[in-house]
Amino acid sequence: MALDAILQAFVTLNGMATSPIVLVVLAFIGAYLGSRVVEVIPYTRRIIERREAQAAAERE
């Protein structure tokens, strides 16, 4: 039963993946979600803050 649903989802996504419009929309959604995840995860936030502080120090 569960395998049936999973296979149906893959077939549906495969059909949608052939459309360039859907791929562009998925790319925008992925980019947005990726930027949100980077802001939420504390480890990546610290990396970004260190890079910004280093860039600011180099400018001075």
Protein backbone atom coordinates (compact mmCIF):
# COMPACT_ATOMS: atom_id res chain seq x y z
CA MET A 1 0.00 0.00 0.00
CA ALA A 2 2.70 2.50 1.02
CA LEU A 3 4.93 1.38 -1.85
CA ASP A 4 2.08 2.06 -4.24
CA ALA A 5 1.76 5.65 -3.02
CA ILE A 6 5.51 6.21 -3.20
CA LEU A 7 5.70 4.90 -6.77
CA GLN A 8 2.73 7.05 -7.78
CA ALA A 9 4.47 10.12 -6.35
CA PHE A 10 7.65 9.33 -8.32
CA VAL A 11 5.69 8.88 -11.54
CA THR A 12 3.87 12.16 -10.98
CA LEU A 13 7.08 14.04 -10.22
CA ASN A 14 8.78 12.49 -13.23
CA GLY A 15 5.98 13.74 -15.44
CA MET A 16 6.22 17.21 -13.95
CA ALA A 17 10.01 17.29 -14.17
CA THR A 18 9.88 17.24 -17.97
CA SER A 19 8.26 20.68 -17.98
CA PRO A 20 10.77 23.56 -17.92
CA ILE A 21 8.27 25.85 -16.19
CA VAL A 22 7.88 23.43 -13.30
CA LEU A 23 11.66 23.07 -13.02
CA VAL A 24 12.09 26.85 -12.80
CA VAL A 25 9.40 27.06 -10.12
CA LEU A 26 11.04 24.22 -8.18
CA ALA A 27 14.42 25.97 -8.48
CA PHE A 28 12.98 29.18 -7.00
CA ILE A 29 11.32 27.25 -4.18
CA GLY A 30 14.56 25.39 -3.48
CA ALA A 31 16.59 28.61 -3.46
CA TYR A 32 14.14 30.27 -1.09
CA LEU A 33 14.05 27.29 1.28
CA GLY A 34 17.84 27.02 1.16
CA SER A 35 18.26 30.65 2.15
CA ARG A 36 15.79 30.21 5.01
CA VAL A 37 17.57 27.09 6.28
CA VAL A 38 20.94 28.88 6.27
CA GLU A 39 19.46 31.64 8.45
CA VAL A 40 17.90 29.18 10.88
CA ILE A 41 20.84 26.84 11.47
CA PRO A 42 23.10 28.49 14.09
CA TYR A 43 26.31 26.90 12.76
CA THR A 44 25.89 28.38 9.28
CA ARG A 45 24.86 31.72 10.74
CA ARG A 46 28.13 31.87 12.69
CA ILE A 47 30.10 31.10 9.52
CA ILE A 48 28.35 33.90 7.66
CA GLU A 49 28.89 36.35 10.54
CA ARG A 50 32.62 35.47 10.65
CA ARG A 51 32.97 36.05 6.92
CA GLU A 52 31.16 39.39 7.14
CA ALA A 53 33.32 40.48 10.08
CA GLN A 54 36.47 39.43 8.22
CA ALA A 55 35.38 41.33 5.10
CA ALA A 56 34.62 44.42 7.19
CA ALA A 57 38.03 44.18 8.89
CA GLU A 58 39.77 43.91 5.53
CA ARG A 59 37.98 47.02 4.24
CA GLU A 60 39.23 49.10 7.16
